[in-house]
Protein backbone atom coordinates (compact mmCIF):
# COMPACT_ATOMS: atom_id res chain seq x y z
CA UNK A 1 0.00 0.00 0.00
CA UNK A 2 1.39 3.34 -1.03
CA UNK A 3 0.45 6.77 0.20
CA UNK A 4 0.04 9.41 -2.51
CA UNK A 5 2.69 12.14 -2.26
CA UNK A 6 0.02 14.84 -2.08
CA UNK A 7 -1.10 13.65 1.37
CA UNK A 8 2.10 11.95 2.56
CA UNK A 9 3.22 15.13 4.34
CA UNK A 10 0.13 14.94 6.58
CA UNK A 11 1.14 11.68 8.26
CA UNK A 12 4.08 13.07 10.32
CA UNK A 13 1.88 16.01 11.35
CA UNK A 14 -1.41 14.27 12.13
CA UNK A 15 -0.12 11.20 13.99
CA UNK A 16 1.75 13.17 16.73
CA UNK A 17 -1.26 15.51 17.02
CA UNK A 18 -3.64 12.59 17.63
CA UNK A 19 -1.19 11.01 20.10
CA UNK A 20 -1.04 14.36 21.93
CA UNK A 21 -4.84 14.58 22.07
CA UNK A 22 -5.08 11.10 23.55
CA UNK A 23 -2.28 11.62 26.09
CA UNK A 24 -3.80 14.97 27.14
CA UNK A 25 -7.22 13.41 27.70
CA UNK A 26 -5.66 10.53 29.65
CA UNK A 27 -3.67 12.92 31.87
CA UNK A 28 -6.70 15.10 32.56
CA UNK A 29 -8.89 12.17 33.54
CA UNK A 30 -6.12 10.58 35.60
CA UNK A 31 -5.65 13.77 37.59
CA UNK A 32 -9.36 14.02 38.32
CA UNK A 33 -9.51 10.38 39.45
CA UNK A 34 -6.42 10.87 41.66
CA UNK A 35 -8.01 13.90 43.31
CA UNK A 36 -11.13 11.87 44.06
CA UNK A 37 -9.05 9.02 45.52
CA UNK A 38 -7.10 11.47 47.69
CA UNK A 39 -10.36 13.01 48.92
CA UNK A 40 -11.72 9.54 49.72
CA UNK A 41 -8.58 8.58 51.63
CA UNK A 42 -8.68 11.86 53.55
CA UNK A 43 -12.31 11.29 54.55
CA UNK A 44 -11.60 7.69 55.57
CA UNK A 45 -8.59 8.77 57.63
CA UNK A 46 -10.55 11.63 59.24
CA UNK A 47 -13.42 9.36 60.25
CA UNK A 48 -11.11 6.66 61.56
CA UNK A 49 -11.83 3.88 59.08
CA UNK A 50 -8.12 3.76 58.14
CA UNK A 51 -5.07 4.93 60.01
CA UNK A 52 -2.36 6.85 58.23
CA UNK A 53 0.99 7.98 59.51
CA UNK A 54 3.80 9.93 57.95
CA UNK A 55 6.09 6.92 58.31
CA UNK A 56 3.74 4.60 56.42
CA UNK A 57 3.26 7.14 53.66
CA UNK A 58 7.03 7.62 53.41
CA UNK A 59 7.63 3.87 53.19
CA UNK A 60 5.07 3.46 50.42
CA UNK A 61 6.50 6.46 48.53
CA UNK A 62 10.04 5.06 48.66
CA UNK A 63 8.69 1.73 47.44
CA UNK A 64 6.67 2.97 44.45
CA UNK A 65 8.38 6.17 43.25
CA UNK A 66 11.44 4.44 41.73
CA UNK A 67 9.12 2.17 39.74
CA UNK A 68 7.18 5.17 38.44
CA UNK A 69 10.33 7.06 37.45
CA UNK A 70 11.66 4.08 35.45
CA UNK A 71 8.35 3.83 33.59
CA UNK A 72 8.48 7.56 32.90
CA UNK A 73 11.87 7.15 31.21
CA UNK A 74 10.44 4.45 28.94
CA UNK A 75 7.44 6.62 28.10
CA UNK A 76 9.69 9.59 27.39
CA UNK A 77 11.51 7.58 24.74
CA UNK A 78 8.25 6.57 23.05
CA UNK A 79 6.44 9.91 22.81
CA UNK A 80 7.20 12.53 20.14
CA UNK A 81 7.28 15.32 22.75
CA UNK A 82 9.50 17.58 20.62
CA UNK A 83 6.94 17.80 17.81
CA UNK A 84 4.92 21.01 17.80
CA UNK A 85 1.85 19.12 16.58
CA UNK A 86 2.16 16.78 19.60
CA UNK A 87 2.39 19.75 21.98
CA UNK A 88 -0.66 21.40 20.37
CA UNK A 89 -2.59 18.11 20.59
CA UNK A 90 -1.52 17.67 24.21
CA UNK A 91 -2.68 21.19 25.11
CA UNK A 92 -6.05 20.67 23.42
CA UNK A 93 -6.41 17.26 25.07
CA UNK A 94 -5.69 18.73 28.50
CA UNK A 95 -8.08 21.62 27.89
CA UNK A 96 -11.00 19.84 26.24
CA UNK A 97 -10.30 16.20 27.20
């Protein structure tokens, strides 16, 4: 299958834009879900259903943050974050997503 040269220039512009839109929508929804989870945990801790301490939160953070940072490096290598069409798509995805 061959792409006609008249529209071949659109592929490197449109694909990063669509990826940016999707990533922006995912980030926006993830942030809203995280805020709801944090509010739920705060209410549960305030009412006494769960007990939280600074030490337990610190232990969990030191356990999970290195895993998250290694996954971020992998994601950074996959995304076309230097493309202006990706950045525009990301901004629109965060705004409208």
